[in-house]
């Protein structure tokens, strides 16, 4: 089941967990550089960096992001990091 990280802390926790569970992780381009993604992928982490930031994502952006993840992981529940209030 894929995990959508919204903050650097959430990403760090997901990366720690992914080593044990092979969880697919998604994040915005505002919390991880492309070279950092490459380094994690080389170590076998299933990590996808979106082409856009999610720090101040609108509801519509989040809906589109979740739809993108759903297309790649059909039928799987998507876990979304809770970053406080605001999305729904």
C-alpha atoms as a PDB file:
ATOM      1  CA  UNK A   1       0.000   0.000   0.000  1.00  0.00           C
ATOM      2  CA  UNK A   2       1.548   3.310  -1.053  1.00  0.00           C
ATOM      3  CA  UNK A   3       2.341   6.136   1.339  1.00  0.00           C
ATOM      4  CA  UNK A   4       2.184   9.836   0.449  1.00  0.00           C
ATOM      5  CA  UNK A   5       4.708  11.845   2.482  1.00  0.00           C
ATOM      6  CA  UNK A   6       3.956  15.544   2.870  1.00  0.00           C
ATOM      7  CA  UNK A   7       6.806  16.655   5.146  1.00  0.00           C
ATOM      8  CA  UNK A   8      10.495  15.825   5.570  1.00  0.00           C
ATOM      9  CA  UNK A   9       9.692  14.135   8.895  1.00  0.00           C
ATOM     10  CA  UNK A  10       6.970  12.015   7.365  1.00  0.00           C
ATOM     11  CA  UNK A  11       9.276  11.056   4.526  1.00  0.00           C
ATOM     12  CA  UNK A  12      12.030  10.059   6.956  1.00  0.00           C
ATOM     13  CA  UNK A  13       9.607   7.836   8.892  1.00  0.00           C
ATOM     14  CA  UNK A  14       8.299   6.292   5.678  1.00  0.00           C
ATOM     15  CA  UNK A  15      11.832   5.610   4.438  1.00  0.00           C
ATOM     16  CA  UNK A  16      12.675   3.858   7.716  1.00  0.00           C
ATOM     17  CA  UNK A  17       9.538   1.743   7.422  1.00  0.00           C
ATOM     18  CA  UNK A  18      10.041   1.021   3.708  1.00  0.00           C
ATOM     19  CA  UNK A  19      13.262  -0.821   4.426  1.00  0.00           C
ATOM     20  CA  UNK A  20      11.200  -3.401   6.319  1.00  0.00           C
ATOM     21  CA  UNK A  21       7.944  -3.412   4.367  1.00  0.00           C
ATOM     22  CA  UNK A  22       8.830  -2.555   0.739  1.00  0.00           C
ATOM     23  CA  UNK A  23       6.201   0.182   0.852  1.00  0.00           C
ATOM     24  CA  UNK A  24       5.916   2.449  -2.190  1.00  0.00           C
ATOM     25  CA  UNK A  25       6.524   6.050  -1.126  1.00  0.00           C
ATOM     26  CA  UNK A  26       5.468   9.202  -2.963  1.00  0.00           C
ATOM     27  CA  UNK A  27       6.465  12.777  -2.158  1.00  0.00           C
ATOM     28  CA  UNK A  28       6.446  16.257  -3.642  1.00  0.00           C
ATOM     29  CA  UNK A  29       9.509  17.803  -5.200  1.00  0.00           C
ATOM     30  CA  UNK A  30       9.774  20.243  -2.304  1.00  0.00           C
ATOM     31  CA  UNK A  31      10.981  17.761   0.313  1.00  0.00           C
ATOM     32  CA  UNK A  32      13.563  15.680  -1.545  1.00  0.00           C
ATOM     33  CA  UNK A  33      16.000  16.378  -4.355  1.00  0.00           C
ATOM     34  CA  UNK A  34      16.153  14.282  -7.507  1.00  0.00           C
ATOM     35  CA  UNK A  35      19.651  13.074  -6.605  1.00  0.00           C
ATOM     36  CA  UNK A  36      18.422  11.957  -3.157  1.00  0.00           C
ATOM     37  CA  UNK A  37      15.607  10.028  -4.837  1.00  0.00           C
ATOM     38  CA  UNK A  38      18.131   8.333  -7.125  1.00  0.00           C
ATOM     39  CA  UNK A  39      20.245   7.309  -4.129  1.00  0.00           C
ATOM     40  CA  UNK A  40      17.237   5.741  -2.369  1.00  0.00           C
ATOM     41  CA  UNK A  41      16.064   3.989  -5.539  1.00  0.00           C
ATOM     42  CA  UNK A  42      19.557   2.538  -6.054  1.00  0.00           C
ATOM     43  CA  UNK A  43      19.205   0.983  -2.594  1.00  0.00           C
ATOM     44  CA  UNK A  44      15.920  -0.623  -3.633  1.00  0.00           C
ATOM     45  CA  UNK A  45      13.434   1.845  -2.127  1.00  0.00           C
ATOM     46  CA  UNK A  46      10.235   2.238  -4.150  1.00  0.00           C
ATOM     47  CA  UNK A  47      10.222   6.039  -4.142  1.00  0.00           C
ATOM     48  CA  UNK A  48       8.499   8.406  -6.553  1.00  0.00           C
ATOM     49  CA  UNK A  49       9.091  12.160  -6.514  1.00  0.00           C
ATOM     50  CA  UNK A  50       6.278  14.166  -8.039  1.00  0.00           C
ATOM     51  CA  UNK A  51       7.129  16.997 -10.448  1.00  0.00           C
ATOM     52  CA  UNK A  52       5.409  19.546  -8.216  1.00  0.00           C
ATOM     53  CA  UNK A  53       5.439  20.598  -4.540  1.00  0.00           C
ATOM     54  CA  UNK A  54       2.833  19.517  -2.017  1.00  0.00           C
ATOM     55  CA  UNK A  55       3.698  21.805   0.899  1.00  0.00           C
ATOM     56  CA  UNK A  56       0.869  24.207   0.119  1.00  0.00           C
ATOM     57  CA  UNK A  57      -1.213  21.901  -2.024  1.00  0.00           C
ATOM     58  CA  UNK A  58      -4.823  22.795  -2.582  1.00  0.00           C
ATOM     59  CA  UNK A  59      -7.626  20.300  -2.208  1.00  0.00           C
ATOM     60  CA  UNK A  60      -7.732  19.937  -6.007  1.00  0.00           C
ATOM     61  CA  UNK A  61      -3.989  19.236  -6.170  1.00  0.00           C
ATOM     62  CA  UNK A  62      -4.331  16.571  -3.500  1.00  0.00           C
ATOM     63  CA  UNK A  63      -7.227  14.947  -5.361  1.00  0.00           C
ATOM     64  CA  UNK A  64      -5.151  14.865  -8.570  1.00  0.00           C
ATOM     65  CA  UNK A  65      -2.151  13.505  -6.683  1.00  0.00           C
ATOM     66  CA  UNK A  66      -4.199  10.724  -5.116  1.00  0.00           C
ATOM     67  CA  UNK A  67      -5.682   9.893  -8.529  1.00  0.00           C
ATOM     68  CA  UNK A  68      -2.156   9.605  -9.946  1.00  0.00           C
ATOM     69  CA  UNK A  69      -1.102   7.268  -7.147  1.00  0.00           C
ATOM     70  CA  UNK A  70      -4.308   5.232  -7.594  1.00  0.00           C
ATOM     71  CA  UNK A  71      -3.491   4.725 -11.285  1.00  0.00           C
ATOM     72  CA  UNK A  72      -0.095   3.298 -10.345  1.00  0.00           C
ATOM     73  CA  UNK A  73      -1.423   1.224  -7.429  1.00  0.00           C
ATOM     74  CA  UNK A  74      -4.981   0.266  -8.451  1.00  0.00           C
ATOM     75  CA  UNK A  75      -7.197  -1.044  -5.690  1.00  0.00           C
ATOM     76  CA  UNK A  76      -4.631  -0.424  -2.949  1.00  0.00           C
ATOM     77  CA  UNK A  77      -5.398   1.819   0.026  1.00  0.00           C
ATOM     78  CA  UNK A  78      -3.277   4.978  -0.033  1.00  0.00           C
ATOM     79  CA  UNK A  79      -1.867   6.164   3.279  1.00  0.00           C
ATOM     80  CA  UNK A  80      -1.469   9.936   3.479  1.00  0.00           C
ATOM     81  CA  UNK A  81       0.690  11.614   6.104  1.00  0.00           C
ATOM     82  CA  UNK A  82      -1.348  13.853   8.333  1.00  0.00           C
ATOM     83  CA  UNK A  83       0.244  17.280   8.267  1.00  0.00           C
ATOM     84  CA  UNK A  84      -2.192  18.864  10.652  1.00  0.00           C
ATOM     85  CA  UNK A  85      -5.266  20.573   9.349  1.00  0.00           C
ATOM     86  CA  UNK A  86      -6.351  21.818   6.012  1.00  0.00           C
ATOM     87  CA  UNK A  87      -6.765  19.249   3.265  1.00  0.00           C
ATOM     88  CA  UNK A  88     -10.200  17.827   3.935  1.00  0.00           C
END
